[in-house]
């Protein structure tokens, strides 16, 4: 597995985590749990943005990392 495909796989996993946290936050009835899920979702969203930039950089600047 190339570096590029590993980064893309990680990015896809992070997107899934973000979606799961959003679902959990909307399904819970407990205010404190909802806040925890939303805070975690915010952190994951920041990580996702960084990973997205890395995916773009790898595809544009480092052609050897393309699949």
PDB file of N, CA and C in Angstrom:
ATOM      1  N   UNK A   1       0.847  -1.172   0.000  1.00  0.00           N
ATOM      2  CA  UNK A   1       0.000   0.000   0.000  1.00  0.00           C
ATOM      3  C   UNK A   1       0.897   1.241   0.000  1.00  0.00           C
ATOM      4  N   UNK A   2       0.627   2.148  -0.911  1.00  0.00           N
ATOM      5  CA  UNK A   2       1.445   3.358  -1.019  1.00  0.00           C
ATOM      6  C   UNK A   2       1.087   4.351   0.090  1.00  0.00           C
ATOM      7  N   UNK A   3       1.958   5.317   0.286  1.00  0.00           N
ATOM      8  CA  UNK A   3       1.699   6.366   1.274  1.00  0.00           C
ATOM      9  C   UNK A   3       0.399   7.088   0.931  1.00  0.00           C
ATOM     10  N   UNK A   4       0.226   7.401  -0.343  1.00  0.00           N
ATOM     11  CA  UNK A   4      -0.990   8.093  -0.771  1.00  0.00           C
ATOM     12  C   UNK A   4      -2.245   7.315  -0.445  1.00  0.00           C
ATOM     13  N   UNK A   5      -2.242   6.023  -0.696  1.00  0.00           N
ATOM     14  CA  UNK A   5      -3.431   5.228  -0.402  1.00  0.00           C
ATOM     15  C   UNK A   5      -3.637   5.073   1.099  1.00  0.00           C
ATOM     16  N   UNK A   6      -2.567   5.043   1.874  1.00  0.00           N
ATOM     17  CA  UNK A   6      -2.701   4.986   3.332  1.00  0.00           C
ATOM     18  C   UNK A   6      -3.322   6.274   3.867  1.00  0.00           C
ATOM     19  N   UNK A   7      -2.890   7.406   3.345  1.00  0.00           N
ATOM     20  CA  UNK A   7      -3.444   8.693   3.774  1.00  0.00           C
ATOM     21  C   UNK A   7      -4.914   8.785   3.375  1.00  0.00           C
ATOM     22  N   UNK A   8      -5.241   8.353   2.165  1.00  0.00           N
ATOM     23  CA  UNK A   8      -6.632   8.370   1.718  1.00  0.00           C
ATOM     24  C   UNK A   8      -7.499   7.448   2.569  1.00  0.00           C
ATOM     25  N   UNK A   9      -6.972   6.296   2.941  1.00  0.00           N
ATOM     26  CA  UNK A   9      -7.700   5.368   3.797  1.00  0.00           C
ATOM     27  C   UNK A   9      -7.942   5.973   5.176  1.00  0.00           C
ATOM     28  N   UNK A  10      -6.934   6.618   5.715  1.00  0.00           N
ATOM     29  CA  UNK A  10      -7.062   7.297   7.002  1.00  0.00           C
ATOM     30  C   UNK A  10      -8.107   8.408   6.914  1.00  0.00           C
ATOM     31  N   UNK A  11      -8.078   9.166   5.836  1.00  0.00           N
ATOM     32  CA  UNK A  11      -9.044  10.246   5.622  1.00  0.00           C
ATOM     33  C   UNK A  11     -10.472   9.690   5.577  1.00  0.00           C
ATOM     34  N   UNK A  12     -10.660   8.586   4.879  1.00  0.00           N
ATOM     35  CA  UNK A  12     -11.983   7.965   4.801  1.00  0.00           C
ATOM     36  C   UNK A  12     -12.449   7.501   6.179  1.00  0.00           C
ATOM     37  N   UNK A  13     -11.542   6.946   6.961  1.00  0.00           N
ATOM     38  CA  UNK A  13     -11.883   6.511   8.319  1.00  0.00           C
ATOM     39  C   UNK A  13     -12.303   7.694   9.182  1.00  0.00           C
ATOM     40  N   UNK A  14     -11.586   8.789   9.060  1.00  0.00           N
ATOM     41  CA  UNK A  14     -11.901   9.987   9.846  1.00  0.00           C
ATOM     42  C   UNK A  14     -13.277  10.529   9.462  1.00  0.00           C
ATOM     43  N   UNK A  15     -13.602  10.505   8.176  1.00  0.00           N
ATOM     44  CA  UNK A  15     -14.929  10.944   7.737  1.00  0.00           C
ATOM     45  C   UNK A  15     -16.010  10.061   8.354  1.00  0.00           C
ATOM     46  N   UNK A  16     -15.741   8.761   8.433  1.00  0.00           N
ATOM     47  CA  UNK A  16     -16.693   7.841   9.050  1.00  0.00           C
ATOM     48  C   UNK A  16     -16.864   8.106  10.536  1.00  0.00           C
ATOM     49  N   UNK A  17     -15.763   8.389  11.213  1.00  0.00           N
ATOM     50  CA  UNK A  17     -15.818   8.713  12.639  1.00  0.00           C
ATOM     51  C   UNK A  17     -16.641   9.977  12.856  1.00  0.00           C
ATOM     52  N   UNK A  18     -16.409  10.976  12.018  1.00  0.00           N
ATOM     53  CA  UNK A  18     -17.155  12.232  12.133  1.00  0.00           C
ATOM     54  C   UNK A  18     -18.655  11.981  11.968  1.00  0.00           C
ATOM     55  N   UNK A  19     -19.027  11.175  10.999  1.00  0.00           N
ATOM     56  CA  UNK A  19     -20.437  10.867  10.765  1.00  0.00           C
ATOM     57  C   UNK A  19     -21.039  10.109  11.945  1.00  0.00           C
ATOM     58  N   UNK A  20     -20.284   9.177  12.501  1.00  0.00           N
ATOM     59  CA  UNK A  20     -20.762   8.411  13.652  1.00  0.00           C
ATOM     60  C   UNK A  20     -20.979   9.312  14.859  1.00  0.00           C
ATOM     61  N   UNK A  21     -20.035  10.211  15.116  1.00  0.00           N
ATOM     62  CA  UNK A  21     -20.183  11.139  16.242  1.00  0.00           C
ATOM     63  C   UNK A  21     -21.404  12.034  16.058  1.00  0.00           C
ATOM     64  N   UNK A  22     -21.635  12.480  14.848  1.00  0.00           N
ATOM     65  CA  UNK A  22     -22.802  13.309  14.565  1.00  0.00           C
ATOM     66  C   UNK A  22     -24.094  12.539  14.826  1.00  0.00           C
ATOM     67  N   UNK A  23     -24.125  11.294  14.394  1.00  0.00           N
ATOM     68  CA  UNK A  23     -25.295  10.447  14.622  1.00  0.00           C
ATOM     69  C   UNK A  23     -25.525  10.222  16.108  1.00  0.00           C
ATOM     70  N   UNK A  24     -24.465   9.904  16.826  1.00  0.00           N
ATOM     71  CA  UNK A  24     -24.585   9.677  18.264  1.00  0.00           C
ATOM     72  C   UNK A  24     -25.074  10.931  18.981  1.00  0.00           C
ATOM     73  N   UNK A  25     -24.560  12.079  18.585  1.00  0.00           N
ATOM     74  CA  UNK A  25     -24.976  13.337  19.215  1.00  0.00           C
ATOM     75  C   UNK A  25     -26.455  13.610  18.986  1.00  0.00           C
ATOM     76  N   UNK A  26     -26.934  13.312  17.807  1.00  0.00           N
ATOM     77  CA  UNK A  26     -28.341  13.591  17.514  1.00  0.00           C
ATOM     78  C   UNK A  26     -29.281  12.545  18.114  1.00  0.00           C
ATOM     79  N   UNK A  27     -28.767  11.364  18.444  1.00  0.00           N
ATOM     80  CA  UNK A  27     -29.620  10.305  18.975  1.00  0.00           C
ATOM     81  C   UNK A  27     -29.696  10.282  20.497  1.00  0.00           C
ATOM     82  N   UNK A  28     -28.733  10.895  21.159  1.00  0.00           N
ATOM     83  CA  UNK A  28     -28.732  10.828  22.615  1.00  0.00           C
ATOM     84  C   UNK A  28     -29.697  11.844  23.217  1.00  0.00           C
ATOM     85  N   UNK A  29     -30.243  11.485  24.364  1.00  0.00           N
ATOM     86  CA  UNK A  29     -31.148  12.378  25.077  1.00  0.00           C
ATOM     87  C   UNK A  29     -30.440  13.125  26.199  1.00  0.00           C
ATOM     88  N   UNK A  30     -29.221  12.721  26.500  1.00  0.00           N
ATOM     89  CA  UNK A  30     -28.482  13.336  27.595  1.00  0.00           C
ATOM     90  C   UNK A  30     -27.694  14.540  27.088  1.00  0.00           C
ATOM     91  N   UNK A  31     -27.916  15.671  27.737  1.00  0.00           N
ATOM     92  CA  UNK A  31     -27.271  16.911  27.315  1.00  0.00           C
ATOM     93  C   UNK A  31     -25.752  16.809  27.408  1.00  0.00           C
ATOM     94  N   UNK A  32     -25.249  16.261  28.502  1.00  0.00           N
ATOM     95  CA  UNK A  32     -23.800  16.162  28.692  1.00  0.00           C
ATOM     96  C   UNK A  32     -23.160  15.258  27.635  1.00  0.00           C
ATOM     97  N   UNK A  33     -23.796  14.136  27.352  1.00  0.00           N
ATOM     98  CA  UNK A  33     -23.275  13.223  26.328  1.00  0.00           C
ATOM     99  C   UNK A  33     -23.287  13.897  24.959  1.00  0.00           C
ATOM    100  N   UNK A  34     -24.350  14.638  24.669  1.00  0.00           N
ATOM    101  CA  UNK A  34     -24.451  15.340  23.389  1.00  0.00           C
ATOM    102  C   UNK A  34     -23.305  16.341  23.236  1.00  0.00           C
ATOM    103  N   UNK A  35     -23.002  17.062  24.318  1.00  0.00           N
ATOM    104  CA  UNK A  35     -21.900  18.026  24.285  1.00  0.00           C
ATOM    105  C   UNK A  35     -20.562  17.335  24.048  1.00  0.00           C
ATOM    106  N   UNK A  36     -20.368  16.192  24.698  1.00  0.00           N
ATOM    107  CA  UNK A  36     -19.122  15.438  24.512  1.00  0.00           C
ATOM    108  C   UNK A  36     -18.995  14.991  23.063  1.00  0.00           C
ATOM    109  N   UNK A  37     -20.079  14.461  22.503  1.00  0.00           N
ATOM    110  CA  UNK A  37     -20.050  14.025  21.108  1.00  0.00           C
ATOM    111  C   UNK A  37     -19.795  15.204  20.167  1.00  0.00           C
ATOM    112  N   UNK A  38     -20.423  16.333  20.418  1.00  0.00           N
ATOM    113  CA  UNK A  38     -20.231  17.513  19.565  1.00  0.00           C
ATOM    114  C   UNK A  38     -18.798  18.035  19.665  1.00  0.00           C
ATOM    115  N   UNK A  39     -18.244  18.046  20.879  1.00  0.00           N
ATOM    116  CA  UNK A  39     -16.852  18.491  21.040  1.00  0.00           C
ATOM    117  C   UNK A  39     -15.896  17.563  20.298  1.00  0.00           C
ATOM    118  N   UNK A  40     -16.126  16.267  20.429  1.00  0.00           N
ATOM    119  CA  UNK A  40     -15.284  15.298  19.720  1.00  0.00           C
ATOM    120  C   UNK A  40     -15.448  15.464  18.212  1.00  0.00           C
ATOM    121  N   UNK A  41     -16.666  15.725  17.776  1.00  0.00           N
ATOM    122  CA  UNK A  41     -16.929  15.933  16.347  1.00  0.00           C
ATOM    123  C   UNK A  41     -16.166  17.153  15.822  1.00  0.00           C
ATOM    124  N   UNK A  42     -16.100  18.206  16.626  1.00  0.00           N
ATOM    125  CA  UNK A  42     -15.363  19.411  16.242  1.00  0.00           C
ATOM    126  C   UNK A  42     -13.873  19.115  16.087  1.00  0.00           C
ATOM    127  N   UNK A  43     -13.326  18.363  17.028  1.00  0.00           N
ATOM    128  CA  UNK A  43     -11.911  17.994  16.962  1.00  0.00           C
ATOM    129  C   UNK A  43     -11.643  17.140  15.726  1.00  0.00           C
ATOM    130  N   UNK A  44     -12.506  16.171  15.482  1.00  0.00           N
ATOM    131  CA  UNK A  44     -12.345  15.293  14.319  1.00  0.00           C
ATOM    132  C   UNK A  44     -12.477  16.093  13.023  1.00  0.00           C
ATOM    133  N   UNK A  45     -13.361  17.082  12.999  1.00  0.00           N
ATOM    134  CA  UNK A  45     -13.519  17.915  11.796  1.00  0.00           C
ATOM    135  C   UNK A  45     -12.226  18.665  11.488  1.00  0.00           C
ATOM    136  N   UNK A  46     -11.549  19.142  12.529  1.00  0.00           N
ATOM    137  CA  UNK A  46     -10.268  19.824  12.325  1.00  0.00           C
ATOM    138  C   UNK A  46      -9.219  18.858  11.775  1.00  0.00           C
ATOM    139  N   UNK A  47      -9.197  17.665  12.321  1.00  0.00           N
ATOM    140  CA  UNK A  47      -8.255  16.650  11.839  1.00  0.00           C
ATOM    141  C   UNK A  47      -8.575  16.295  10.391  1.00  0.00           C
ATOM    142  N   UNK A  48      -9.872  16.180  10.084  1.00  0.00           N
ATOM    143  CA  UNK A  48     -10.293  15.851   8.718  1.00  0.00           C
ATOM    144  C   UNK A  48      -9.826  16.919   7.736  1.00  0.00           C
ATOM    145  N   UNK A  49      -9.937  18.183   8.125  1.00  0.00           N
ATOM    146  CA  UNK A  49      -9.477  19.271   7.255  1.00  0.00           C
ATOM    147  C   UNK A  49      -7.979  19.159   6.989  1.00  0.00           C
ATOM    148  N   UNK A  50      -7.209  18.863   8.033  1.00  0.00           N
ATOM    149  CA  UNK A  50      -5.761  18.687   7.864  1.00  0.00           C
ATOM    150  C   UNK A  50      -5.452  17.504   6.949  1.00  0.00           C
ATOM    151  N   UNK A  51      -6.180  16.413   7.134  1.00  0.00           N
ATOM    152  CA  UNK A  51      -5.961  15.229   6.298  1.00  0.00           C
ATOM    153  C   UNK A  51      -6.341  15.510   4.849  1.00  0.00           C
ATOM    154  N   UNK A  52      -7.416  16.259   4.651  1.00  0.00           N
ATOM    155  CA  UNK A  52      -7.830  16.601   3.289  1.00  0.00           C
ATOM    156  C   UNK A  52      -6.740  17.411   2.589  1.00  0.00           C
ATOM    157  N   UNK A  53      -6.145  18.349   3.310  1.00  0.00           N
ATOM    158  CA  UNK A  53      -5.039  19.128   2.750  1.00  0.00           C
ATOM    159  C   UNK A  53      -3.867  18.223   2.393  1.00  0.00           C
ATOM    160  N   UNK A  54      -3.605  17.237   3.228  1.00  0.00           N
ATOM    161  CA  UNK A  54      -2.505  16.309   2.966  1.00  0.00           C
ATOM    162  C   UNK A  54      -2.797  15.464   1.721  1.00  0.00           C
ATOM    163  N   UNK A  55      -4.040  15.017   1.580  1.00  0.00           N
ATOM    164  CA  UNK A  55      -4.429  14.246   0.393  1.00  0.00           C
ATOM    165  C   UNK A  55      -4.227  15.089  -0.864  1.00  0.00           C
ATOM    166  N   UNK A  56      -4.659  16.337  -0.812  1.00  0.00           N
ATOM    167  CA  UNK A  56      -4.495  17.233  -1.962  1.00  0.00           C
ATOM    168  C   UNK A  56      -3.019  17.456  -2.258  1.00  0.00           C
ATOM    169  N   UNK A  57      -2.236  17.715  -1.226  1.00  0.00           N
ATOM    170  CA  UNK A  57      -0.802  17.944  -1.410  1.00  0.00           C
ATOM    171  C   UNK A  57      -0.135  16.725  -2.038  1.00  0.00           C
ATOM    172  N   UNK A  58      -0.457  15.551  -1.522  1.00  0.00           N
ATOM    173  CA  UNK A  58       0.152  14.335  -2.067  1.00  0.00           C
ATOM    174  C   UNK A  58      -0.208  14.143  -3.532  1.00  0.00           C
ATOM    175  N   UNK A  59      -1.448  14.445  -3.885  1.00  0.00           N
ATOM    176  CA  UNK A  59      -1.858  14.225  -5.276  1.00  0.00           C
ATOM    177  C   UNK A  59      -1.286  15.278  -6.226  1.00  0.00           C
ATOM    178  N   UNK A  60      -1.009  16.483  -5.726  1.00  0.00           N
ATOM    179  CA  UNK A  60      -0.507  17.548  -6.597  1.00  0.00           C
ATOM    180  C   UNK A  60       1.010  17.645  -6.620  1.00  0.00           C
ATOM    181  N   UNK A  61       1.631  17.551  -5.468  1.00  0.00           N
ATOM    182  CA  UNK A  61       3.057  17.828  -5.353  1.00  0.00           C
ATOM    183  C   UNK A  61       3.946  16.593  -5.410  1.00  0.00           C
ATOM    184  N   UNK A  62       3.379  15.466  -5.103  1.00  0.00           N
ATOM    185  CA  UNK A  62       4.177  14.246  -5.043  1.00  0.00           C
ATOM    186  C   UNK A  62       3.560  13.167  -5.928  1.00  0.00           C
ATOM    187  N   UNK A  63       3.758  13.255  -7.237  1.00  0.00           N
ATOM    188  CA  UNK A  63       3.132  12.291  -8.148  1.00  0.00           C
ATOM    189  C   UNK A  63       3.528  10.843  -7.878  1.00  0.00           C
ATOM    190  N   UNK A  64       4.662  10.620  -7.241  1.00  0.00           N
ATOM    191  CA  UNK A  64       5.062   9.243  -6.957  1.00  0.00           C
ATOM    192  C   UNK A  64       4.144   8.588  -5.925  1.00  0.00           C
ATOM    193  N   UNK A  65       3.342   9.386  -5.195  1.00  0.00           N
ATOM    194  CA  UNK A  65       2.431   8.829  -4.208  1.00  0.00           C
ATOM    195  C   UNK A  65       1.065   8.501  -4.790  1.00  0.00           C
ATOM    196  N   UNK A  66       0.847   8.837  -6.049  1.00  0.00           N
ATOM    197  CA  UNK A  66      -0.425   8.509  -6.681  1.00  0.00           C
ATOM    198  C   UNK A  66      -0.513   7.006  -6.880  1.00  0.00           C
ATOM    199  N   UNK A  67      -1.742   6.519  -6.881  1.00  0.00           N
ATOM    200  CA  UNK A  67      -1.950   5.088  -7.086  1.00  0.00           C
ATOM    201  C   UNK A  67      -1.817   4.741  -8.545  1.00  0.00           C
TER     202      UNK A  67
END
